[in-house]
Amino acid sequence: MDALSIGIIIFATVTALLFKFIIYHKICNWMDKDLISGLANGDSEKQQFLTAQLNKMKTDKVKRRLQHQRLTELATEFEQNR
């Protein structure tokens, strides 16, 4: 194999890994937004509250599965406190 072939393989591999990383994060963000939209049921105030809580959890580096459980709990608490 010559240097050009190796360069092409390395470029293709790095590009594929980068694409996978970007798509994974976009899909995670879409799922988060969809969950918040579903929990808010069209209530913009509740949606803003849940979005702020999700951003706070991401800042605090809470694990993803715990984020979704906590958002569900917060949505229930929000309705009860209204």
PDB file of N, CA and C in Angstrom:
ATOM      1  N   MET A   1       0.838  -1.173   0.000  1.00  0.00           N
ATOM      2  CA  MET A   1       0.000   0.000   0.000  1.00  0.00           C
ATOM      3  C   MET A   1       0.889   1.244   0.000  1.00  0.00           C
ATOM      4  N   ASP A   2       0.474   2.174  -0.787  1.00  0.00           N
ATOM      5  CA  ASP A   2       1.250   3.415  -0.833  1.00  0.00           C
ATOM      6  C   ASP A   2       0.663   4.445   0.148  1.00  0.00           C
ATOM      7  N   ALA A   3       1.328   5.558   0.291  1.00  0.00           N
ATOM      8  CA  ALA A   3       0.931   6.583   1.257  1.00  0.00           C
ATOM      9  C   ALA A   3      -0.434   7.169   0.922  1.00  0.00           C
ATOM     10  N   LEU A   4      -0.766   7.309  -0.348  1.00  0.00           N
ATOM     11  CA  LEU A   4      -2.064   7.857  -0.740  1.00  0.00           C
ATOM     12  C   LEU A   4      -3.203   6.949  -0.286  1.00  0.00           C
ATOM     13  N   SER A   5      -3.053   5.654  -0.446  1.00  0.00           N
ATOM     14  CA  SER A   5      -4.090   4.704  -0.016  1.00  0.00           C
ATOM     15  C   SER A   5      -4.288   4.761   1.488  1.00  0.00           C
ATOM     16  N   ILE A   6      -3.199   4.804   2.213  1.00  0.00           N
ATOM     17  CA  ILE A   6      -3.294   4.876   3.668  1.00  0.00           C
ATOM     18  C   ILE A   6      -3.954   6.192   4.081  1.00  0.00           C
ATOM     19  N   GLY A   7      -3.594   7.279   3.423  1.00  0.00           N
ATOM     20  CA  GLY A   7      -4.199   8.585   3.713  1.00  0.00           C
ATOM     21  C   GLY A   7      -5.691   8.577   3.462  1.00  0.00           C
ATOM     22  N   ILE A   8      -6.116   7.959   2.382  1.00  0.00           N
ATOM     23  CA  ILE A   8      -7.546   7.874   2.054  1.00  0.00           C
ATOM     24  C   ILE A   8      -8.283   7.054   3.106  1.00  0.00           C
ATOM     25  N   ILE A   9      -7.700   5.952   3.531  1.00  0.00           N
ATOM     26  CA  ILE A   9      -8.330   5.106   4.550  1.00  0.00           C
ATOM     27  C   ILE A   9      -8.455   5.865   5.866  1.00  0.00           C
ATOM     28  N   ILE A  10      -7.404   6.555   6.266  1.00  0.00           N
ATOM     29  CA  ILE A  10      -7.442   7.320   7.514  1.00  0.00           C
ATOM     30  C   ILE A  10      -8.483   8.435   7.422  1.00  0.00           C
ATOM     31  N   PHE A  11      -8.505   9.148   6.315  1.00  0.00           N
ATOM     32  CA  PHE A  11      -9.479  10.225   6.123  1.00  0.00           C
ATOM     33  C   PHE A  11     -10.911   9.691   6.176  1.00  0.00           C
ATOM     34  N   ALA A  12     -11.161   8.579   5.504  1.00  0.00           N
ATOM     35  CA  ALA A  12     -12.511   7.997   5.477  1.00  0.00           C
ATOM     36  C   ALA A  12     -12.923   7.531   6.871  1.00  0.00           C
ATOM     37  N   THR A  13     -12.011   6.945   7.606  1.00  0.00           N
ATOM     38  CA  THR A  13     -12.314   6.457   8.948  1.00  0.00           C
ATOM     39  C   THR A  13     -12.625   7.615   9.900  1.00  0.00           C
ATOM     40  N   VAL A  14     -11.790   8.643   9.867  1.00  0.00           N
ATOM     41  CA  VAL A  14     -12.008   9.801  10.738  1.00  0.00           C
ATOM     42  C   VAL A  14     -13.321  10.491  10.379  1.00  0.00           C
ATOM     43  N   THR A  15     -13.593  10.636   9.108  1.00  0.00           N
ATOM     44  CA  THR A  15     -14.839  11.265   8.667  1.00  0.00           C
ATOM     45  C   THR A  15     -16.050  10.452   9.117  1.00  0.00           C
ATOM     46  N   ALA A  16     -15.987   9.134   9.008  1.00  0.00           N
ATOM     47  CA  ALA A  16     -17.100   8.276   9.429  1.00  0.00           C
ATOM     48  C   ALA A  16     -17.323   8.374  10.932  1.00  0.00           C
ATOM     49  N   LEU A  17     -16.246   8.377  11.712  1.00  0.00           N
ATOM     50  CA  LEU A  17     -16.386   8.497  13.166  1.00  0.00           C
ATOM     51  C   LEU A  17     -16.966   9.847  13.560  1.00  0.00           C
ATOM     52  N   LEU A  18     -16.527  10.895  12.913  1.00  0.00           N
ATOM     53  CA  LEU A  18     -17.051  12.230  13.179  1.00  0.00           C
ATOM     54  C   LEU A  18     -18.533  12.309  12.829  1.00  0.00           C
ATOM     55  N   PHE A  19     -18.912  11.739  11.693  1.00  0.00           N
ATOM     56  CA  PHE A  19     -20.311  11.718  11.274  1.00  0.00           C
ATOM     57  C   PHE A  19     -21.162  10.980  12.309  1.00  0.00           C
ATOM     58  N   LYS A  20     -20.664   9.837  12.772  1.00  0.00           N
ATOM     59  CA  LYS A  20     -21.399   9.044  13.761  1.00  0.00           C
ATOM     60  C   LYS A  20     -21.569   9.834  15.058  1.00  0.00           C
ATOM     61  N   PHE A  21     -20.533  10.509  15.499  1.00  0.00           N
ATOM     62  CA  PHE A  21     -20.577  11.310  16.719  1.00  0.00           C
ATOM     63  C   PHE A  21     -21.605  12.430  16.593  1.00  0.00           C
ATOM     64  N   ILE A  22     -21.585  13.138  15.482  1.00  0.00           N
ATOM     65  CA  ILE A  22     -22.513  14.249  15.268  1.00  0.00           C
ATOM     66  C   ILE A  22     -23.956  13.754  15.202  1.00  0.00           C
ATOM     67  N   ILE A  23     -24.200  12.692  14.449  1.00  0.00           N
ATOM     68  CA  ILE A  23     -25.559  12.145  14.327  1.00  0.00           C
ATOM     69  C   ILE A  23     -26.064  11.660  15.683  1.00  0.00           C
ATOM     70  N   TYR A  24     -25.203  10.997  16.458  1.00  0.00           N
ATOM     71  CA  TYR A  24     -25.609  10.510  17.779  1.00  0.00           C
ATOM     72  C   TYR A  24     -26.070  11.668  18.663  1.00  0.00           C
ATOM     73  N   HIS A  25     -25.315  12.741  18.698  1.00  0.00           N
ATOM     74  CA  HIS A  25     -25.676  13.876  19.545  1.00  0.00           C
ATOM     75  C   HIS A  25     -26.922  14.601  19.042  1.00  0.00           C
ATOM     76  N   LYS A  26     -27.089  14.694  17.731  1.00  0.00           N
ATOM     77  CA  LYS A  26     -28.308  15.318  17.193  1.00  0.00           C
ATOM     78  C   LYS A  26     -29.541  14.488  17.553  1.00  0.00           C
ATOM     79  N   ILE A  27     -29.430  13.167  17.441  1.00  0.00           N
ATOM     80  CA  ILE A  27     -30.559  12.295  17.768  1.00  0.00           C
ATOM     81  C   ILE A  27     -30.886  12.397  19.254  1.00  0.00           C
ATOM     82  N   CYS A  28     -29.861  12.455  20.107  1.00  0.00           N
ATOM     83  CA  CYS A  28     -30.097  12.615  21.548  1.00  0.00           C
ATOM     84  C   CYS A  28     -30.824  13.927  21.833  1.00  0.00           C
ATOM     85  N   ASN A  29     -30.408  15.006  21.189  1.00  0.00           N
ATOM     86  CA  ASN A  29     -31.077  16.299  21.379  1.00  0.00           C
ATOM     87  C   ASN A  29     -32.517  16.252  20.882  1.00  0.00           C
ATOM     88  N   TRP A  30     -32.757  15.588  19.750  1.00  0.00           N
ATOM     89  CA  TRP A  30     -34.123  15.465  19.230  1.00  0.00           C
ATOM     90  C   TRP A  30     -34.989  14.673  20.210  1.00  0.00           C
ATOM     91  N   MET A  31     -34.440  13.604  20.776  1.00  0.00           N
ATOM     92  CA  MET A  31     -35.206  12.799  21.733  1.00  0.00           C
ATOM     93  C   MET A  31     -35.532  13.610  22.979  1.00  0.00           C
ATOM     94  N   ASP A  32     -34.580  14.410  23.444  1.00  0.00           N
ATOM     95  CA  ASP A  32     -34.821  15.259  24.617  1.00  0.00           C
ATOM     96  C   ASP A  32     -35.931  16.267  24.334  1.00  0.00           C
ATOM     97  N   LYS A  33     -35.860  16.921  23.191  1.00  0.00           N
ATOM     98  CA  LYS A  33     -36.882  17.904  22.829  1.00  0.00           C
ATOM     99  C   LYS A  33     -38.251  17.247  22.679  1.00  0.00           C
ATOM    100  N   ASP A  34     -38.268  16.047  22.106  1.00  0.00           N
ATOM    101  CA  ASP A  34     -39.534  15.335  21.929  1.00  0.00           C
ATOM    102  C   ASP A  34     -40.120  14.930  23.279  1.00  0.00           C
ATOM    103  N   LEU A  35     -39.266  14.481  24.186  1.00  0.00           N
ATOM    104  CA  LEU A  35     -39.736  14.120  25.525  1.00  0.00           C
ATOM    105  C   LEU A  35     -40.329  15.333  26.225  1.00  0.00           C
ATOM    106  N   ILE A  36     -39.634  16.457  26.158  1.00  0.00           N
ATOM    107  CA  ILE A  36     -40.123  17.676  26.806  1.00  0.00           C
ATOM    108  C   ILE A  36     -41.436  18.132  26.175  1.00  0.00           C
ATOM    109  N   SER A  37     -41.530  18.056  24.856  1.00  0.00           N
ATOM    110  CA  SER A  37     -42.781  18.444  24.180  1.00  0.00           C
ATOM    111  C   SER A  37     -43.928  17.541  24.609  1.00  0.00           C
ATOM    112  N   GLY A  38     -43.655  16.253  24.732  1.00  0.00           N
ATOM    113  CA  GLY A  38     -44.685  15.310  25.154  1.00  0.00           C
ATOM    114  C   GLY A  38     -45.119  15.537  26.588  1.00  0.00           C
ATOM    115  N   LEU A  39     -44.163  15.831  27.449  1.00  0.00           N
ATOM    116  CA  LEU A  39     -44.497  16.068  28.855  1.00  0.00           C
ATOM    117  C   LEU A  39     -45.217  17.399  29.051  1.00  0.00           C
ATOM    118  N   ALA A  40     -44.912  18.382  28.209  1.00  0.00           N
ATOM    119  CA  ALA A  40     -45.507  19.713  28.353  1.00  0.00           C
ATOM    120  C   ALA A  40     -46.944  19.766  27.851  1.00  0.00           C
ATOM    121  N   ASN A  41     -47.304  18.916  26.928  1.00  0.00           N
ATOM    122  CA  ASN A  41     -48.670  18.890  26.367  1.00  0.00           C
ATOM    123  C   ASN A  41     -49.129  20.249  25.863  1.00  0.00           C
ATOM    124  N   GLY A  42     -48.241  20.969  25.197  1.00  0.00           N
ATOM    125  CA  GLY A  42     -48.613  22.255  24.608  1.00  0.00           C
ATOM    126  C   GLY A  42     -48.537  23.440  25.551  1.00  0.00           C
ATOM    127  N   ASP A  43     -48.189  23.226  26.795  1.00  0.00           N
ATOM    128  CA  ASP A  43     -48.058  24.311  27.781  1.00  0.00           C
ATOM    129  C   ASP A  43     -46.655  24.911  27.655  1.00  0.00           C
ATOM    130  N   SER A  44     -46.580  26.123  27.133  1.00  0.00           N
ATOM    131  CA  SER A  44     -45.268  26.737  26.862  1.00  0.00           C
ATOM    132  C   SER A  44     -44.504  27.036  28.153  1.00  0.00           C
ATOM    133  N   GLU A  45     -45.215  27.391  29.215  1.00  0.00           N
ATOM    134  CA  GLU A  45     -44.552  27.674  30.492  1.00  0.00           C
ATOM    135  C   GLU A  45     -43.899  26.406  31.049  1.00  0.00           C
ATOM    136  N   LYS A  46     -44.619  25.300  30.957  1.00  0.00           N
ATOM    137  CA  LYS A  46     -44.103  24.014  31.429  1.00  0.00           C
ATOM    138  C   LYS A  46     -42.926  23.564  30.561  1.00  0.00           C
ATOM    139  N   GLN A  47     -43.038  23.799  29.261  1.00  0.00           N
ATOM    140  CA  GLN A  47     -41.968  23.418  28.341  1.00  0.00           C
ATOM    141  C   GLN A  47     -40.687  24.215  28.638  1.00  0.00           C
ATOM    142  N   GLN A  48     -40.830  25.501  28.894  1.00  0.00           N
ATOM    143  CA  GLN A  48     -39.661  26.323  29.236  1.00  0.00           C
ATOM    144  C   GLN A  48     -39.041  25.867  30.557  1.00  0.00           C
ATOM    145  N   PHE A  49     -39.884  25.534  31.520  1.00  0.00           N
ATOM    146  CA  PHE A  49     -39.395  25.057  32.812  1.00  0.00           C
ATOM    147  C   PHE A  49     -38.602  23.757  32.640  1.00  0.00           C
ATOM    148  N   LEU A  50     -39.166  22.813  31.884  1.00  0.00           N
ATOM    149  CA  LEU A  50     -38.501  21.526  31.686  1.00  0.00           C
ATOM    150  C   LEU A  50     -37.201  21.683  30.884  1.00  0.00           C
ATOM    151  N   THR A  51     -37.198  22.575  29.908  1.00  0.00           N
ATOM    152  CA  THR A  51     -35.985  22.828  29.131  1.00  0.00           C
ATOM    153  C   THR A  51     -34.894  23.406  30.023  1.00  0.00           C
ATOM    154  N   ALA A  52     -35.272  24.330  30.889  1.00  0.00           N
ATOM    155  CA  ALA A  52     -34.292  24.915  31.816  1.00  0.00           C
ATOM    156  C   ALA A  52     -33.744  23.851  32.767  1.00  0.00           C
ATOM    157  N   GLN A  53     -34.620  22.975  33.238  1.00  0.00           N
ATOM    158  CA  GLN A  53     -34.175  21.909  34.144  1.00  0.00           C
ATOM    159  C   GLN A  53     -33.249  20.926  33.430  1.00  0.00           C
ATOM    160  N   LEU A  54     -33.561  20.622  32.168  1.00  0.00           N
ATOM    161  CA  LEU A  54     -32.700  19.727  31.395  1.00  0.00           C
ATOM    162  C   LEU A  54     -31.327  20.353  31.191  1.00  0.00           C
ATOM    163  N   ASN A  55     -31.293  21.630  30.858  1.00  0.00           N
ATOM    164  CA  ASN A  55     -30.012  22.313  30.677  1.00  0.00           C
ATOM    165  C   ASN A  55     -29.201  22.312  31.969  1.00  0.00           C
ATOM    166  N   LYS A  56     -29.892  22.492  33.100  1.00  0.00           N
ATOM    167  CA  LYS A  56     -29.208  22.464  34.391  1.00  0.00           C
ATOM    168  C   LYS A  56     -28.644  21.070  34.663  1.00  0.00           C
ATOM    169  N   MET A  57     -29.421  20.039  34.361  1.00  0.00           N
ATOM    170  CA  MET A  57     -28.947  18.674  34.577  1.00  0.00           C
ATOM    171  C   MET A  57     -27.746  18.351  33.693  1.00  0.00           C
ATOM    172  N   LYS A  58     -27.765  18.849  32.453  1.00  0.00           N
ATOM    173  CA  LYS A  58     -26.630  18.625  31.562  1.00  0.00           C
ATOM    174  C   LYS A  58     -25.387  19.342  32.088  1.00  0.00           C
ATOM    175  N   THR A  59     -25.586  20.529  32.639  1.00  0.00           N
ATOM    176  CA  THR A  59     -24.466  21.277  33.226  1.00  0.00           C
ATOM    177  C   THR A  59     -23.901  20.526  34.437  1.00  0.00           C
ATOM    178  N   ASP A  60     -24.795  19.919  35.219  1.00  0.00           N
ATOM    179  CA  ASP A  60     -24.380  19.163  36.402  1.00  0.00           C
ATOM    180  C   ASP A  60     -23.890  17.757  36.052  1.00  0.00           C
ATOM    181  N   LYS A  61     -23.935  17.411  34.770  1.00  0.00           N
ATOM    182  CA  LYS A  61     -23.471  16.115  34.246  1.00  0.00           C
ATOM    183  C   LYS A  61     -24.221  14.929  34.860  1.00  0.00           C
ATOM    184  N   VAL A  62     -25.540  15.080  34.914  1.00  0.00           N
ATOM    185  CA  VAL A  62     -26.397  13.986  35.363  1.00  0.00           C
ATOM    186  C   VAL A  62     -26.496  12.975  34.219  1.00  0.00           C
ATOM    187  N   LYS A  63     -26.480  11.689  34.553  1.00  0.00           N
ATOM    188  CA  LYS A  63     -26.549  10.660  33.515  1.00  0.00           C
ATOM    189  C   LYS A  63     -27.857  10.758  32.747  1.00  0.00           C
ATOM    190  N   ARG A  64     -27.785  10.387  31.486  1.00  0.00           N
ATOM    191  CA  ARG A  64     -28.902  10.564  30.560  1.00  0.00           C
ATOM    192  C   ARG A  64     -30.179   9.866  31.026  1.00  0.00           C
ATOM    193  N   ARG A  65     -30.094   8.621  31.463  1.00  0.00           N
ATOM    194  CA  ARG A  65     -31.310   7.909  31.872  1.00  0.00           C
ATOM    195  C   ARG A  65     -31.935   8.539  33.109  1.00  0.00           C
ATOM    196  N   LEU A  66     -31.097   9.102  33.973  1.00  0.00           N
ATOM    197  CA  LEU A  66     -31.619   9.797  35.152  1.00  0.00           C
ATOM    198  C   LEU A  66     -32.256  11.125  34.773  1.00  0.00           C
ATOM    199  N   GLN A  67     -31.748  11.751  33.701  1.00  0.00           N
ATOM    200  CA  GLN A  67     -32.341  13.007  33.223  1.00  0.00           C
ATOM    201  C   GLN A  67     -33.796  12.785  32.829  1.00  0.00           C
ATOM    202  N   HIS A  68     -34.044  11.716  32.083  1.00  0.00           N
ATOM    203  CA  HIS A  68     -35.403  11.459  31.607  1.00  0.00           C
ATOM    204  C   HIS A  68     -36.338  11.118  32.771  1.00  0.00           C
ATOM    205  N   GLN A  69     -35.847  10.345  33.739  1.00  0.00           N
ATOM    206  CA  GLN A  69     -36.667  10.041  34.911  1.00  0.00           C
ATOM    207  C   GLN A  69     -36.978  11.312  35.694  1.00  0.00           C
ATOM    208  N   ARG A  70     -35.975  12.134  35.874  1.00  0.00           N
ATOM    209  CA  ARG A  70     -36.145  13.373  36.649  1.00  0.00           C
ATOM    210  C   ARG A  70     -37.087  14.341  35.931  1.00  0.00           C
ATOM    211  N   LEU A  71     -36.977  14.414  34.592  1.00  0.00           N
ATOM    212  CA  LEU A  71     -37.884  15.288  33.840  1.00  0.00           C
ATOM    213  C   LEU A  71     -39.337  14.846  34.001  1.00  0.00           C
ATOM    214  N   THR A  72     -39.560  13.555  33.985  1.00  0.00           N
ATOM    215  CA  THR A  72     -40.912  13.032  34.176  1.00  0.00           C
ATOM    216  C   THR A  72     -41.424  13.392  35.564  1.00  0.00           C
ATOM    217  N   GLU A  73     -40.566  13.250  36.572  1.00  0.00           N
ATOM    218  CA  GLU A  73     -40.960  13.618  37.935  1.00  0.00           C
ATOM    219  C   GLU A  73     -41.240  15.120  38.040  1.00  0.00           C
ATOM    220  N   LEU A  74     -40.379  15.926  37.426  1.00  0.00           N
ATOM    221  CA  LEU A  74     -40.566  17.384  37.479  1.00  0.00           C
ATOM    222  C   LEU A  74     -41.851  17.814  36.778  1.00  0.00           C
ATOM    223  N   ALA A  75     -42.200  17.132  35.690  1.00  0.00           N
ATOM    224  CA  ALA A  75     -43.440  17.462  34.981  1.00  0.00           C
ATOM    225  C   ALA A  75     -44.644  17.184  35.874  1.00  0.00           C
ATOM    226  N   THR A  76     -44.604  16.076  36.612  1.00  0.00           N
ATOM    227  CA  THR A  76     -45.693  15.749  37.536  1.00  0.00           C
ATOM    228  C   THR A  76     -45.768  16.768  38.669  1.00  0.00           C
ATOM    229  N   GLU A  77     -44.613  17.123  39.230  1.00  0.00           N
ATOM    230  CA  GLU A  77     -44.567  18.125  40.311  1.00  0.00           C
ATOM    231  C   GLU A  77     -45.064  19.480  39.822  1.00  0.00           C
ATOM    232  N   PHE A  78     -44.724  19.830  38.600  1.00  0.00           N
ATOM    233  CA  PHE A  78     -45.153  21.116  38.037  1.00  0.00           C
ATOM    234  C   PHE A  78     -46.679  21.177  37.974  1.00  0.00           C
ATOM    235  N   GLU A  79     -47.296  20.096  37.546  1.00  0.00           N
ATOM    236  CA  GLU A  79     -48.764  20.054  37.455  1.00  0.00           C
ATOM    237  C   GLU A  79     -49.402  20.124  38.836  1.00  0.00           C
ATOM    238  N   GLN A  80     -48.795  19.459  39.819  1.00  0.00           N
ATOM    239  CA  GLN A  80     -49.366  19.446  41.170  1.00  0.00           C
ATOM    240  C   GLN A  80     -49.258  20.817  41.837  1.00  0.00           C
ATOM    241  N   ASN A  81     -48.207  21.565  41.515  1.00  0.00           N
ATOM    242  CA  ASN A  81     -47.988  22.871  42.136  1.00  0.00           C
ATOM    243  C   ASN A  81     -48.764  23.985  41.465  1.00  0.00           C
ATOM    244  N   ARG A  82     -49.412  23.710  40.410  1.00  0.00           N
ATOM    245  CA  ARG A  82     -50.195  24.724  39.695  1.00  0.00           C
ATOM    246  C   ARG A  82     -51.456  25.018  40.369  1.00  0.00           C
TER     247      ARG A  82
END
